[in-house]
């Protein structure tokens, strides 16, 4: 017994060391991939020889640095972030409610199937164009992102609810548990991995659809509006710089989402 203790005590340390090495290797591979992508971009720009077609990476960085700190850039970043987050939270609330109802009710699932099929089959461009007819410019990206994210969230949540072990549900019912108790204690915890997967997908989709909607609807302050204005004057480097701002904003949102889910919402230890 005493001889086994050091081995048992060393196992968590070994596991942590292995996890650290894996994380370091993943970061190294990511950096290598980014370096390769930038190298190919630079070679492509040299081969083209025209900034109007493909500007060099350092040119884009210079333009991006020039935009940083300007009131126009700060207002655009803030407005796009607010639209994306608003669309994300609305899609999560509506999609989770619809998905949970669909997961526990076959009849509701059948009723929801036709509109879901229509939403999945409708091109995002068609949604944006229709929204431009119905709503003010600032609401077009939000509405479009909600419509595109809603089916994703609903289907993930419904799949999570249906994955519940029905033996647990039957056992809870046999002990007199109410439907609310069953939902709170069994269905929702079982569906949480699917809910988090839905949230990650909806968050990424919201950023992209919101910026695409801004490019077409051109609200006063938006990343998409900056891209469109730069395109009209053939400032390709500035188009890239605004696109880089959107990419960094999306990456920051994903990183924050991972941090929150790992530390607060879905502990792994």
Protein backbone atom coordinates (compact mmCIF):
# COMPACT_ATOMS: atom_id res chain seq x y z
CA UNK A 1 0.00 0.00 0.00
CA UNK A 2 2.73 2.43 1.04
CA UNK A 3 4.76 1.57 -2.06
CA UNK A 4 1.83 2.36 -4.32
CA UNK A 5 1.30 5.86 -2.94
CA UNK A 6 4.11 7.67 -4.83
CA UNK A 7 2.88 6.21 -8.12
CA UNK A 8 -0.66 7.38 -7.48
CA UNK A 9 0.48 10.81 -6.39
CA UNK A 10 2.64 11.22 -9.51
CA UNK A 11 -0.09 10.38 -12.00
CA UNK A 12 -1.85 13.79 -11.94
CA UNK A 13 1.52 15.53 -12.41
CA UNK A 14 2.33 13.29 -15.36
CA UNK A 15 -1.07 13.92 -16.87
CA UNK A 16 -0.67 17.68 -16.49
CA UNK A 17 2.79 17.55 -18.07
CA UNK A 18 1.44 15.56 -21.01
CA UNK A 19 -1.40 18.05 -21.44
CA UNK A 20 1.07 20.95 -21.36
CA UNK A 21 3.23 19.31 -24.04
CA UNK A 22 0.17 18.68 -26.19
CA UNK A 23 -0.97 22.31 -25.86
CA UNK A 24 2.52 23.57 -26.69
CA UNK A 25 2.67 21.32 -29.74
CA UNK A 26 -0.75 22.54 -30.88
CA UNK A 27 0.31 26.19 -30.56
CA UNK A 28 3.54 25.48 -32.45
CA UNK A 29 1.64 23.82 -35.28
CA UNK A 30 -0.82 26.73 -35.40
CA UNK A 31 2.01 29.27 -35.61
CA UNK A 32 3.71 27.24 -38.33
CA UNK A 33 0.47 27.11 -40.32
CA UNK A 34 -0.02 30.89 -39.94
CA UNK A 35 3.57 31.54 -41.05
CA UNK A 36 3.08 29.33 -44.10
CA UNK A 37 -0.15 31.14 -44.99
CA UNK A 38 1.51 34.57 -44.71
CA UNK A 39 4.46 33.35 -46.79
CA UNK A 40 2.15 32.15 -49.56
CA UNK A 41 0.27 35.44 -49.39
CA UNK A 42 3.54 37.38 -49.73
CA UNK A 43 4.68 35.25 -52.66
CA UNK A 44 1.29 35.72 -54.33
CA UNK A 45 1.49 39.49 -53.88
CA UNK A 46 5.01 39.53 -55.37
CA UNK A 47 3.83 37.44 -58.30
CA UNK A 48 0.86 39.74 -58.98
CA UNK A 49 2.89 42.90 -58.57
CA UNK A 50 -0.26 45.01 -58.19
CA UNK A 51 -1.61 46.20 -54.82
CA UNK A 52 -5.03 46.76 -56.33
CA UNK A 53 -5.37 43.01 -56.89
CA UNK A 54 -3.45 41.49 -53.98
CA UNK A 55 -1.65 43.80 -51.55
CA UNK A 56 1.32 42.51 -49.59
CA UNK A 57 0.82 41.50 -45.92
CA UNK A 58 2.97 44.38 -44.63
CA UNK A 59 0.88 46.85 -46.64
CA UNK A 60 -2.33 45.51 -45.08
CA UNK A 61 -0.79 45.67 -41.59
CA UNK A 62 0.26 49.28 -42.21
CA UNK A 63 -3.25 50.26 -43.27
CA UNK A 64 -4.75 48.34 -40.34
CA UNK A 65 -2.41 50.12 -37.93
CA UNK A 66 -3.48 53.43 -39.42
CA UNK A 67 -7.13 52.61 -38.79
CA UNK A 68 -6.52 51.64 -35.17
CA UNK A 69 -7.53 54.31 -32.70
CA UNK A 70 -9.51 56.39 -35.18
CA UNK A 71 -13.09 57.21 -34.06
CA UNK A 72 -14.47 55.67 -37.23
CA UNK A 73 -12.73 52.35 -36.57
CA UNK A 74 -13.65 52.19 -32.89
CA UNK A 75 -17.31 52.97 -33.59
CA UNK A 76 -17.40 50.38 -36.38
CA UNK A 77 -15.90 47.66 -34.18
CA UNK A 78 -18.28 48.42 -31.32
CA UNK A 79 -21.37 48.52 -33.53
CA UNK A 80 -20.52 45.29 -35.34
CA UNK A 81 -19.78 43.56 -32.04
CA UNK A 82 -23.11 44.70 -30.58
CA UNK A 83 -25.05 43.51 -33.62
CA UNK A 84 -23.30 40.13 -33.62
CA UNK A 85 -23.82 39.56 -29.90
CA UNK A 86 -27.47 40.65 -30.09
CA UNK A 87 -28.10 38.22 -32.95
CA UNK A 88 -26.25 35.46 -31.10
CA UNK A 89 -28.19 35.80 -27.85
CA UNK A 90 -31.58 36.08 -29.58
CA UNK A 91 -30.82 33.05 -31.76
CA UNK A 92 -29.68 31.07 -28.71
CA UNK A 93 -32.81 31.90 -26.71
CA UNK A 94 -35.26 31.24 -29.54
CA UNK A 95 -33.38 28.24 -30.92
CA UNK A 96 -32.95 26.63 -27.49
CA UNK A 97 -36.65 27.00 -26.72
CA UNK A 98 -37.65 25.56 -30.10
CA UNK A 99 -35.05 22.79 -29.89
CA UNK A 100 -36.06 21.75 -26.39
CA UNK A 101 -39.73 21.64 -27.38
CA UNK A 102 -38.86 19.70 -30.52
CA UNK A 103 -36.76 17.25 -28.51
CA UNK A 104 -39.54 16.32 -26.09
CA UNK A 105 -42.52 16.53 -28.46
CA UNK A 106 -42.70 14.56 -31.70
CA UNK A 107 -45.71 16.58 -32.80
CA UNK A 108 -43.90 19.89 -32.31
CA UNK A 109 -40.91 18.48 -34.20
CA UNK A 110 -43.15 17.59 -37.13
CA UNK A 111 -44.68 21.07 -37.15
CA UNK A 112 -41.25 22.71 -37.01
CA UNK A 113 -39.76 20.60 -39.80
CA UNK A 114 -41.14 22.52 -42.86
CA UNK A 115 -40.00 26.00 -41.75
CA UNK A 116 -36.63 24.59 -40.72
CA UNK A 117 -36.21 23.05 -44.16
CA UNK A 118 -37.03 26.39 -45.77
CA UNK A 119 -34.56 28.29 -43.58
CA UNK A 120 -31.76 25.80 -44.21
CA UNK A 121 -32.31 25.92 -47.97
CA UNK A 122 -32.57 29.71 -48.28
CA UNK A 123 -29.30 31.39 -49.34
CA UNK A 124 -27.99 33.96 -46.88
CA UNK A 125 -27.89 36.56 -49.65
CA UNK A 126 -31.64 36.16 -50.20
CA UNK A 127 -32.28 36.66 -46.48
CA UNK A 128 -30.17 39.83 -46.48
CA UNK A 129 -31.87 41.26 -49.56
CA UNK A 130 -35.33 40.64 -48.12
CA UNK A 131 -34.27 42.15 -44.80
CA UNK A 132 -33.12 45.28 -46.65
CA UNK A 133 -36.70 45.70 -47.87
CA UNK A 134 -38.28 45.10 -44.47
CA UNK A 135 -35.93 46.75 -41.95
CA UNK A 136 -33.67 49.78 -41.44
CA UNK A 137 -30.01 49.33 -42.38
CA UNK A 138 -28.85 48.73 -38.81
CA UNK A 139 -31.35 45.91 -38.26
CA UNK A 140 -30.64 44.03 -41.50
CA UNK A 141 -27.47 42.25 -40.27
CA UNK A 142 -29.05 41.32 -36.93
CA UNK A 143 -32.18 39.85 -38.50
CA UNK A 144 -30.18 37.94 -41.11
CA UNK A 145 -27.84 36.44 -38.51
CA UNK A 146 -30.77 35.38 -36.31
CA UNK A 147 -32.52 33.67 -39.21
CA UNK A 148 -29.37 31.80 -40.25
CA UNK A 149 -28.32 30.80 -36.71
CA UNK A 150 -31.74 29.76 -35.41
CA UNK A 151 -31.93 26.39 -37.25
CA UNK A 152 -28.38 25.50 -36.17
CA UNK A 153 -29.16 26.09 -32.50
CA UNK A 154 -32.55 24.40 -32.64
CA UNK A 155 -31.23 21.23 -34.27
CA UNK A 156 -28.29 20.90 -31.88
CA UNK A 157 -30.46 21.38 -28.80
CA UNK A 158 -33.13 18.99 -30.06
CA UNK A 159 -30.48 16.34 -30.68
CA UNK A 160 -29.17 16.85 -27.16
CA UNK A 161 -32.59 16.48 -25.60
CA UNK A 162 -33.31 13.34 -27.62
CA UNK A 163 -29.99 11.83 -26.51
CA UNK A 164 -31.22 11.59 -22.91
CA UNK A 165 -31.25 8.09 -21.42
CA UNK A 166 -34.99 7.33 -21.28
CA UNK A 167 -34.43 4.89 -18.46
CA UNK A 168 -33.44 7.80 -16.25
CA UNK A 169 -36.57 9.68 -17.28
CA UNK A 170 -38.78 6.65 -16.56
CA UNK A 171 -37.10 6.15 -13.18
CA UNK A 172 -37.64 9.80 -12.26
CA UNK A 173 -41.29 9.54 -13.23
CA UNK A 174 -41.70 6.41 -11.15
CA UNK A 175 -40.50 8.41 -8.13
CA UNK A 176 -43.08 11.11 -8.83
CA UNK A 177 -40.79 13.73 -10.38
CA UNK A 178 -42.62 16.50 -12.23
CA UNK A 179 -41.84 17.35 -15.88
CA UNK A 180 -40.10 20.52 -14.66
CA UNK A 181 -37.91 18.50 -12.28
CA UNK A 182 -37.05 16.04 -15.04
CA UNK A 183 -36.15 18.87 -17.40
CA UNK A 184 -34.00 20.63 -14.81
CA UNK A 185 -32.26 17.55 -13.42
CA UNK A 186 -31.97 15.22 -16.42
CA UNK A 187 -32.79 16.68 -19.82
CA UNK A 188 -30.92 20.00 -19.60
CA UNK A 189 -27.68 18.58 -18.09
CA UNK A 190 -27.66 15.80 -20.69
CA UNK A 191 -28.16 18.29 -23.50
CA UNK A 192 -25.45 20.73 -22.33
CA UNK A 193 -22.65 19.44 -24.63
CA UNK A 194 -25.00 19.91 -27.59
CA UNK A 195 -26.03 23.36 -26.35
CA UNK A 196 -22.40 24.45 -26.13
CA UNK A 197 -21.72 23.08 -29.62
CA UNK A 198 -24.75 25.04 -30.86
CA UNK A 199 -23.49 28.19 -29.15
CA UNK A 200 -20.04 27.90 -30.73
CA UNK A 201 -21.53 27.38 -34.20
CA UNK A 202 -24.05 30.19 -33.78
CA UNK A 203 -21.39 32.61 -32.52
CA UNK A 204 -19.12 32.03 -35.51
CA UNK A 205 -22.04 32.21 -37.92
CA UNK A 206 -23.32 35.44 -36.36
CA UNK A 207 -20.01 37.26 -36.94
CA UNK A 208 -19.88 36.25 -40.60
CA UNK A 209 -23.52 36.91 -41.45
CA UNK A 210 -23.59 40.25 -39.63
CA UNK A 211 -20.55 41.52 -41.53
CA UNK A 212 -21.98 40.24 -44.82
CA UNK A 213 -25.25 42.02 -44.05
CA UNK A 214 -23.36 45.22 -43.26
CA UNK A 215 -21.55 45.10 -46.60
CA UNK A 216 -24.90 45.18 -48.42
CA UNK A 217 -27.05 47.33 -46.11
CA UNK A 218 -24.22 49.75 -45.16
CA UNK A 219 -25.31 51.06 -41.76
CA UNK A 220 -23.57 54.22 -40.57
CA UNK A 221 -21.02 52.48 -38.34
CA UNK A 222 -19.93 48.95 -39.28
CA UNK A 223 -17.00 46.82 -40.38
CA UNK A 224 -18.91 45.79 -43.49
CA UNK A 225 -19.55 49.42 -44.39
CA UNK A 226 -15.83 50.14 -44.14
CA UNK A 227 -15.11 47.22 -46.47
CA UNK A 228 -17.69 48.40 -49.00
CA UNK A 229 -16.49 52.01 -48.97
CA UNK A 230 -12.89 50.89 -49.46
CA UNK A 231 -13.93 48.65 -52.36
CA UNK A 232 -15.72 51.52 -54.10
CA UNK A 233 -12.50 53.56 -54.20
CA UNK A 234 -10.41 50.50 -55.10
CA UNK A 235 -8.46 50.54 -51.83
CA UNK A 236 -7.87 46.79 -51.74
CA UNK A 237 -5.43 47.00 -48.84
CA UNK A 238 -8.08 48.75 -46.75
CA UNK A 239 -10.62 46.06 -47.67
CA UNK A 240 -8.15 43.51 -46.34
CA UNK A 241 -7.57 45.64 -43.24
CA UNK A 242 -11.29 45.77 -42.43
CA UNK A 243 -11.54 42.04 -43.09
CA UNK A 244 -8.63 41.52 -40.67
CA UNK A 245 -10.54 43.52 -38.06
CA UNK A 246 -13.52 41.19 -38.50
CA UNK A 247 -11.31 38.11 -38.23
CA UNK A 248 -9.66 39.36 -35.04
CA UNK A 249 -13.05 40.26 -33.56
CA UNK A 250 -14.35 36.77 -34.33
CA UNK A 251 -11.21 35.16 -32.88
CA UNK A 252 -11.54 37.24 -29.71
CA UNK A 253 -15.16 36.18 -29.38
CA UNK A 254 -14.26 32.51 -29.78
CA UNK A 255 -11.44 32.80 -27.23
CA UNK A 256 -13.73 34.48 -24.71
CA UNK A 257 -16.39 31.84 -25.30
CA UNK A 258 -13.88 29.04 -24.68
CA UNK A 259 -12.65 30.70 -21.50
CA UNK A 260 -16.15 31.17 -20.10
CA UNK A 261 -17.35 27.67 -20.93
CA UNK A 262 -14.24 25.98 -19.56
CA UNK A 263 -14.08 27.93 -16.32
CA UNK A 264 -17.70 28.56 -15.44
CA UNK A 265 -20.31 26.76 -17.51
CA UNK A 266 -18.89 23.31 -18.25
CA UNK A 267 -16.13 22.31 -15.83
CA UNK A 268 -14.09 19.33 -16.95
CA UNK A 269 -12.63 18.36 -13.58
